[in-house]
Structures are given as C-alpha cells and as structure tokens.
Amino acid sequence: MCIRDSIDGKLEGAKQSGETVTVWLLDGTTGACLGIVLAVLLLAGVVYEALPTAKWGRTLGKKLCGVRVLSIEGHDTPSFGAALRRWLVYGVLGLLVVGVVNVLWCLFDRPWRQCWHDKAAHTFVARAR
C-alpha cells in the first residue's frame, strides 16, 4: 500500500502545519506505483488481446462467441501492429467515455459493420468457420 501510506503522510503533515496548503497527490512515490500498475495493465492487455488476435484472430472470449478478427485487405489474421492498434484505440475510447458510441457504431456501419477501433486497424469481425 505504498500509495495509501504516502497520501496519508502528506495529509497528516498538512494538518500538523496549521496552515492552508496545497497537497499534491501525485509525486515520485505515487507516480511510481501508478506507473507499475499501468505497465501491468498494458502487459496484460497485450498478452490477452493483441497477441492472440495477431496469432489466431481471436481471444478466448471471441472463440467462445464464435467470432474472429480479420484484416480487410487479406481476410486473414491481422498483423501484430494492427491488433495492438485495435486494442489501444478500443481502450483509449473506453477511457474517454465515447467507448459506448464506439461499440454501438457497428450496428449502423455498412458493409463491414466496423467499430471505430476496427476502422483504425483496418479489421472487421466475422463468424468463425
């Protein structure tokens, strides 16, 4: 709990000073912990989403749903770069709260029924054979 201890220490120090002070919650300690968490999440996303999409065209969840991701140009599995771009765009749009619009976009898109992350990576989702 390095973040909690650091923040508690800052707040306690501010209270003891008896003055109105600005307490910055992001510093070297909390920034390092945040960086570690971010790195772990990025690595997990690459391992779960980008690598299987590039190798087999699907993740375990897509396999269970009977779909796979294909490149528009060759109708084969996308390259690692395209799979990574697809996942990153999906994640960033989700963080920006327009992720719902991104996911619903495929309901209106023709002819490939692509979401924005598919358009960015030049991919589409098809039923698995």
Protein backbone atom coordinates (compact mmCIF):
# COMPACT_ATOMS: atom_id res chain seq x y z
CA MET A 1 0.00 0.00 0.00
CA CYS A 2 2.73 2.47 -0.91
CA ILE A 3 0.23 4.96 -2.33
CA ARG A 4 -2.00 5.00 0.73
CA ASP A 5 0.91 5.50 3.14
CA SER A 6 2.32 8.31 1.03
CA ILE A 7 -1.00 10.15 0.77
CA ASP A 8 -1.76 9.66 4.47
CA GLY A 9 1.66 11.07 5.37
CA LYS A 10 1.13 14.12 3.17
CA LEU A 11 -2.32 14.82 4.59
CA GLU A 12 -1.12 14.40 8.18
CA GLY A 13 1.80 16.74 7.55
CA ALA A 14 -0.55 19.34 6.06
CA LYS A 15 -2.87 19.08 9.08
CA GLN A 16 0.01 19.49 11.53
CA SER A 17 1.36 22.56 9.76
CA GLY A 18 -1.72 24.53 10.82
CA GLU A 19 -1.75 26.46 7.55
CA THR A 20 -3.78 26.15 4.38
CA VAL A 21 -1.51 24.30 1.99
CA THR A 22 -1.86 22.58 -1.36
CA VAL A 23 -1.25 18.86 -1.18
CA TRP A 24 -0.22 17.24 -4.46
CA LEU A 25 -1.27 13.63 -4.52
CA LEU A 26 0.92 12.71 -7.47
CA ASP A 27 4.62 12.65 -6.61
CA GLY A 28 7.57 10.31 -7.02
CA THR A 29 6.13 7.60 -4.77
CA THR A 30 2.56 7.60 -6.03
CA GLY A 31 3.73 8.18 -9.61
CA ALA A 32 5.99 5.11 -9.46
CA CYS A 33 3.19 2.95 -8.08
CA LEU A 34 0.80 4.27 -10.70
CA GLY A 35 3.39 3.55 -13.40
CA ILE A 36 3.78 -0.04 -12.20
CA VAL A 37 0.01 -0.59 -12.23
CA LEU A 38 -0.24 0.93 -15.71
CA ALA A 39 2.61 -1.24 -17.01
CA VAL A 40 0.99 -4.40 -15.61
CA LEU A 41 -2.35 -3.49 -17.22
CA LEU A 42 -0.71 -2.76 -20.57
CA LEU A 43 1.23 -6.02 -20.47
CA ALA A 44 -1.91 -7.98 -19.57
CA GLY A 45 -3.80 -6.36 -22.44
CA VAL A 46 -1.07 -7.17 -24.93
CA VAL A 47 -0.87 -10.77 -23.73
CA TYR A 48 -4.65 -11.32 -23.64
CA GLU A 49 -5.83 -9.24 -26.59
CA ALA A 50 -3.13 -8.23 -29.08
CA LEU A 51 -1.03 -11.41 -29.24
CA PRO A 52 -3.92 -13.91 -29.64
CA THR A 53 -5.65 -11.62 -32.14
CA ALA A 54 -2.49 -11.44 -34.23
CA LYS A 55 -1.76 -15.17 -33.98
CA TRP A 56 -5.23 -16.75 -34.22
CA GLY A 57 -7.54 -13.84 -35.00
CA ARG A 58 -9.36 -14.19 -31.69
CA THR A 59 -9.13 -14.26 -27.94
CA LEU A 60 -10.67 -16.90 -25.70
CA GLY A 61 -13.84 -14.80 -25.37
CA LYS A 62 -14.15 -14.37 -29.14
CA LYS A 63 -13.61 -18.12 -29.59
CA LEU A 64 -16.43 -18.86 -27.14
CA CYS A 65 -18.69 -16.43 -29.04
CA GLY A 66 -17.74 -17.97 -32.39
CA VAL A 67 -16.20 -14.86 -33.95
CA ARG A 68 -12.77 -13.84 -35.14
CA VAL A 69 -10.99 -10.68 -36.22
CA LEU A 70 -9.80 -10.48 -39.82
CA SER A 71 -7.92 -7.86 -41.81
CA ILE A 72 -9.91 -6.16 -44.52
CA GLU A 73 -7.18 -6.44 -47.15
CA GLY A 74 -6.41 -10.16 -47.00
CA HIS A 75 -9.28 -11.59 -44.94
CA ASP A 76 -6.68 -13.30 -42.75
CA THR A 77 -5.50 -12.65 -39.20
CA PRO A 78 -4.29 -9.09 -38.65
CA SER A 79 -0.65 -8.25 -38.07
CA PHE A 80 0.58 -7.65 -34.53
CA GLY A 81 0.69 -3.91 -35.21
CA ALA A 82 -2.92 -3.86 -36.37
CA ALA A 83 -4.04 -6.00 -33.42
CA LEU A 84 -2.20 -3.72 -30.99
CA ARG A 85 -3.65 -0.59 -32.63
CA ARG A 86 -7.15 -2.12 -32.48
CA TRP A 87 -6.81 -2.85 -28.76
CA LEU A 88 -5.24 0.51 -27.89
CA VAL A 89 -7.90 2.53 -29.74
CA TYR A 90 -10.62 0.48 -28.05
CA GLY A 91 -9.07 1.12 -24.64
CA VAL A 92 -8.49 4.84 -25.14
CA LEU A 93 -12.02 5.41 -26.45
CA GLY A 94 -13.36 3.48 -23.47
CA LEU A 95 -11.44 5.73 -21.09
CA LEU A 96 -12.76 8.82 -22.86
CA VAL A 97 -16.35 7.64 -22.27
CA VAL A 98 -17.10 7.55 -26.01
CA GLY A 99 -16.47 3.82 -25.88
CA VAL A 100 -20.20 3.13 -25.84
CA VAL A 101 -20.62 5.02 -29.12
CA ASN A 102 -17.61 3.14 -30.49
CA VAL A 103 -19.13 -0.24 -29.70
CA LEU A 104 -22.60 0.70 -30.96
CA TRP A 105 -21.17 2.12 -34.19
CA CYS A 106 -21.04 -1.35 -35.75
CA LEU A 107 -24.85 -1.53 -35.66
CA PHE A 108 -25.05 1.23 -38.27
CA ASP A 109 -21.83 0.80 -40.24
CA ARG A 110 -22.01 -0.77 -43.68
CA PRO A 111 -20.78 -3.00 -45.29
CA TRP A 112 -18.26 -4.35 -42.76
CA ARG A 113 -20.09 -3.44 -39.51
CA GLN A 114 -16.89 -2.00 -38.10
CA CYS A 115 -16.46 -0.19 -34.80
CA TRP A 116 -14.02 2.72 -34.70
CA HIS A 117 -11.22 0.54 -33.35
CA ASP A 118 -11.72 -1.80 -36.33
CA LYS A 119 -11.58 1.15 -38.73
CA ALA A 120 -8.31 2.31 -37.13
CA ALA A 121 -6.76 -1.14 -37.52
CA HIS A 122 -8.35 -1.99 -40.91
CA THR A 123 -10.03 -5.06 -39.45
CA PHE A 124 -13.53 -6.48 -39.10
CA VAL A 125 -15.19 -9.18 -37.01
CA ALA A 126 -16.63 -12.22 -38.76
CA ARG A 127 -18.12 -15.53 -37.75
CA ALA A 128 -15.51 -18.22 -37.22
CA ARG A 129 -15.51 -21.12 -39.62
